[in-house]
N, C-alpha and C. Protein backbone atom coordinates (compact mmCIF):
# COMPACT_ATOMS: atom_id res chain seq x y z
N UNK A 1 15.28 -19.48 17.68
CA UNK A 1 14.57 -18.19 16.66
C UNK A 1 14.76 -17.68 17.72
N UNK A 2 15.13 -18.07 19.20
CA UNK A 2 15.31 -16.65 20.73
C UNK A 2 14.12 -16.25 20.83
N UNK A 3 12.64 -16.95 20.65
CA UNK A 3 10.74 -17.21 21.28
C UNK A 3 11.16 -18.30 22.13
N UNK A 4 10.02 -17.88 22.49
CA UNK A 4 9.39 -18.82 23.58
C UNK A 4 8.06 -19.51 23.09
N UNK A 5 7.90 -21.07 22.98
CA UNK A 5 7.26 -21.88 21.85
C UNK A 5 6.09 -21.05 21.79
N UNK A 6 5.16 -20.41 22.74
CA UNK A 6 3.70 -19.79 22.56
C UNK A 6 3.85 -18.56 21.75
N UNK A 7 5.04 -17.86 22.50
CA UNK A 7 5.65 -16.59 20.78
C UNK A 7 5.54 -17.02 19.93
N UNK A 8 6.02 -17.48 19.51
CA UNK A 8 7.01 -17.88 17.70
C UNK A 8 5.05 -18.91 16.66
N UNK A 9 4.37 -19.58 17.56
CA UNK A 9 3.73 -19.62 17.36
C UNK A 9 2.27 -19.12 17.05
N UNK A 10 2.12 -17.96 17.97
CA UNK A 10 1.56 -16.92 17.70
C UNK A 10 1.82 -15.62 16.77
N UNK A 11 3.38 -15.68 16.23
CA UNK A 11 3.23 -14.60 15.16
C UNK A 11 3.69 -15.76 13.55
N UNK A 12 3.60 -16.59 13.71
CA UNK A 12 2.75 -17.52 12.76
C UNK A 12 1.93 -17.55 11.89
N UNK A 13 0.95 -18.03 13.19
CA UNK A 13 -0.84 -18.39 13.56
C UNK A 13 -1.11 -16.25 12.57
N UNK A 14 0.00 -15.40 13.17
CA UNK A 14 -0.94 -14.16 12.45
C UNK A 14 -0.53 -13.95 11.33
N UNK A 15 0.92 -14.13 10.98
CA UNK A 15 1.25 -14.16 9.31
C UNK A 15 0.74 -14.53 8.40
N UNK A 16 -0.13 -16.36 8.65
CA UNK A 16 -0.93 -16.93 8.35
C UNK A 16 -2.25 -16.33 8.26
N UNK A 17 -3.06 -15.61 9.80
CA UNK A 17 -4.14 -15.43 8.98
C UNK A 17 -4.17 -14.01 8.06
N UNK A 18 -2.80 -13.42 8.21
CA UNK A 18 -2.88 -11.77 7.27
C UNK A 18 -3.17 -12.04 6.28
N UNK A 19 -2.42 -13.09 5.47
CA UNK A 19 -2.14 -13.70 4.41
C UNK A 19 -3.60 -14.50 4.07
N UNK A 20 -3.88 -15.11 4.46
CA UNK A 20 -5.95 -15.63 4.40
C UNK A 20 -6.63 -14.58 3.91
N UNK A 21 -6.22 -13.50 5.06
CA UNK A 21 -7.52 -11.72 4.61
C UNK A 21 -7.11 -11.48 3.67
N UNK A 22 -5.82 -11.29 3.84
CA UNK A 22 -5.17 -10.45 2.29
C UNK A 22 -5.87 -11.02 0.94
N UNK A 23 -6.15 -12.46 0.80
CA UNK A 23 -5.87 -12.97 -0.75
C UNK A 23 -7.77 -13.01 -0.68
N UNK A 24 -8.36 -12.73 0.30
CA UNK A 24 -10.39 -12.95 0.36
C UNK A 24 -10.57 -11.76 -0.20
N UNK A 25 -9.69 -10.61 0.23
CA UNK A 25 -10.15 -8.66 0.67
C UNK A 25 -9.89 -8.75 -1.63
N UNK A 26 -9.64 -9.32 -1.75
CA UNK A 26 -8.82 -8.97 -3.37
C UNK A 26 -10.32 -10.12 -4.52
N UNK A 27 -10.06 -8.89 -5.57
CA UNK A 27 -11.06 -9.81 -6.55
C UNK A 27 -10.34 -10.19 -7.51
N UNK A 28 -9.79 -11.10 -8.23
CA UNK A 28 -9.41 -11.22 -9.41
C UNK A 28 -10.46 -12.20 -10.98
N UNK A 29 -10.29 -11.19 -11.41
CA UNK A 29 -11.03 -11.32 -12.81
C UNK A 29 -9.88 -11.93 -14.00
N UNK A 30 -10.63 -12.22 -14.90
CA UNK A 30 -10.06 -12.82 -16.16
C UNK A 30 -9.60 -11.22 -16.96
N UNK A 31 -8.87 -11.98 -18.33
CA UNK A 31 -8.92 -10.00 -19.20
C UNK A 31 -10.39 -9.78 -19.52
N UNK A 32 -11.29 -10.57 -20.35
CA UNK A 32 -12.39 -10.39 -20.38
C UNK A 32 -13.57 -10.21 -19.27
N UNK A 33 -13.21 -10.76 -18.38
CA UNK A 33 -13.96 -9.92 -17.11
C UNK A 33 -13.79 -8.58 -16.75
N UNK A 34 -12.21 -8.31 -16.81
CA UNK A 34 -12.22 -7.12 -16.59
C UNK A 34 -12.16 -6.71 -17.57
N UNK A 35 -12.07 -6.68 -18.77
CA UNK A 35 -13.27 -5.27 -20.00
C UNK A 35 -14.18 -5.65 -19.82
N UNK A 36 -15.12 -6.52 -19.49
CA UNK A 36 -16.64 -5.90 -18.86
C UNK A 36 -16.50 -5.11 -18.16
N UNK A 37 -16.17 -5.41 -16.74
CA UNK A 37 -16.17 -4.60 -15.72
C UNK A 37 -15.66 -3.48 -16.19
N UNK A 38 -15.17 -2.69 -16.50
CA UNK A 38 -14.74 -1.21 -16.97
C UNK A 38 -15.69 -0.81 -18.10
N UNK A 39 -15.60 -1.68 -18.69
CA UNK A 39 -17.13 -0.96 -19.71
C UNK A 39 -17.93 -1.31 -19.14
N UNK A 40 -18.90 -1.09 -18.37
CA UNK A 40 -20.32 -1.14 -17.73
C UNK A 40 -19.89 0.06 -16.76
N UNK A 41 -18.71 0.31 -16.07
CA UNK A 41 -18.57 1.20 -15.55
C UNK A 41 -18.61 3.08 -15.82
N UNK A 42 -17.88 2.19 -17.45
CA UNK A 42 -17.53 3.24 -18.70
C UNK A 42 -19.24 4.08 -19.19
N UNK A 43 -20.20 2.99 -19.25
CA UNK A 43 -21.71 3.09 -19.87
C UNK A 43 -22.23 2.45 -18.82
N UNK A 44 -23.32 3.04 -17.60
CA UNK A 44 -23.66 2.35 -16.97
C UNK A 44 -25.27 2.36 -17.62
N UNK A 45 -26.03 1.37 -17.12
CA UNK A 45 -27.65 1.41 -17.33
C UNK A 45 -28.50 2.29 -17.12
N UNK A 46 -29.45 2.83 -17.61
CA UNK A 46 -30.27 3.22 -17.03
C UNK A 46 -31.20 3.06 -16.23
N UNK A 47 -31.16 3.94 -14.96
CA UNK A 47 -31.77 3.23 -13.88
C UNK A 47 -33.20 2.65 -14.49
N UNK A 48 -34.04 1.86 -13.51
CA UNK A 48 -34.88 1.25 -13.83
C UNK A 48 -36.19 1.69 -12.74
N UNK A 49 -37.82 1.09 -13.31
CA UNK A 49 -38.66 2.27 -12.28
C UNK A 49 -38.26 1.86 -11.13
N UNK A 50 -37.84 0.74 -10.90
CA UNK A 50 -37.78 0.16 -9.14
C UNK A 50 -36.79 0.83 -9.08
N UNK A 51 -35.42 0.87 -9.15
CA UNK A 51 -34.60 1.74 -8.10
C UNK A 51 -34.67 3.46 -8.23
N UNK A 52 -35.36 3.74 -9.44
CA UNK A 52 -35.72 5.51 -9.63
C UNK A 52 -37.01 5.24 -7.75
N UNK A 53 -37.82 4.41 -7.84
CA UNK A 53 -39.25 4.98 -6.60
C UNK A 53 -38.05 4.69 -5.16
N UNK A 54 -37.45 3.92 -5.03
CA UNK A 54 -36.13 3.50 -3.84
C UNK A 54 -35.71 5.19 -4.05
N UNK A 55 -35.71 5.65 -5.11
CA UNK A 55 -34.54 6.61 -4.66
C UNK A 55 -35.72 7.90 -4.04
N UNK A 56 -36.68 7.81 -5.02
CA UNK A 56 -37.78 8.66 -4.52
C UNK A 56 -37.79 8.20 -2.99
N UNK A 57 -38.33 7.34 -2.63
CA UNK A 57 -38.52 6.88 -0.78
C UNK A 57 -37.51 7.12 -0.62
N UNK A 58 -36.32 6.84 -0.81
CA UNK A 58 -35.35 7.27 0.35
C UNK A 58 -35.51 9.43 0.59
N UNK A 59 -35.34 9.76 -0.83
CA UNK A 59 -35.57 11.50 -0.95
C UNK A 59 -36.62 11.34 0.35
N UNK A 60 -37.64 10.84 0.20
CA UNK A 60 -38.76 11.46 0.98
C UNK A 60 -38.68 10.95 2.72
N UNK A 61 -37.94 10.18 3.07
CA UNK A 61 -37.65 9.93 4.67
C UNK A 61 -36.33 10.44 4.77
N UNK A 62 -35.81 10.70 4.27
CA UNK A 62 -34.70 11.83 4.33
C UNK A 62 -35.02 13.08 4.76
N UNK A 63 -35.98 13.76 3.28
CA UNK A 63 -36.28 15.05 3.76
C UNK A 63 -35.31 15.77 3.20
N UNK A 64 -34.46 14.93 2.29
CA UNK A 64 -33.94 15.43 0.73
C UNK A 64 -35.09 16.57 -0.22
N UNK A 65 -34.20 17.39 -0.20
CA UNK A 65 -34.88 18.89 -1.33
C UNK A 65 -34.65 18.10 -2.44
N UNK A 66 -33.44 17.86 -3.09
CA UNK A 66 -32.72 17.90 -4.66
C UNK A 66 -33.15 15.94 -4.77
């Protein structure tokens, strides 16, 4: 291929590593799971008291007025 052994090995390893990283950066959902996920985005649950408390704590520590 006109490359030194080390250069060739590094290029092959780089491509393999890139493919491995890309495959782990994506989530693959079944059709049912995909529909459930999108439905949850369309109709989010009401915040719980714990979540409201955390938002209030965040506001008070940051000094946000709203």
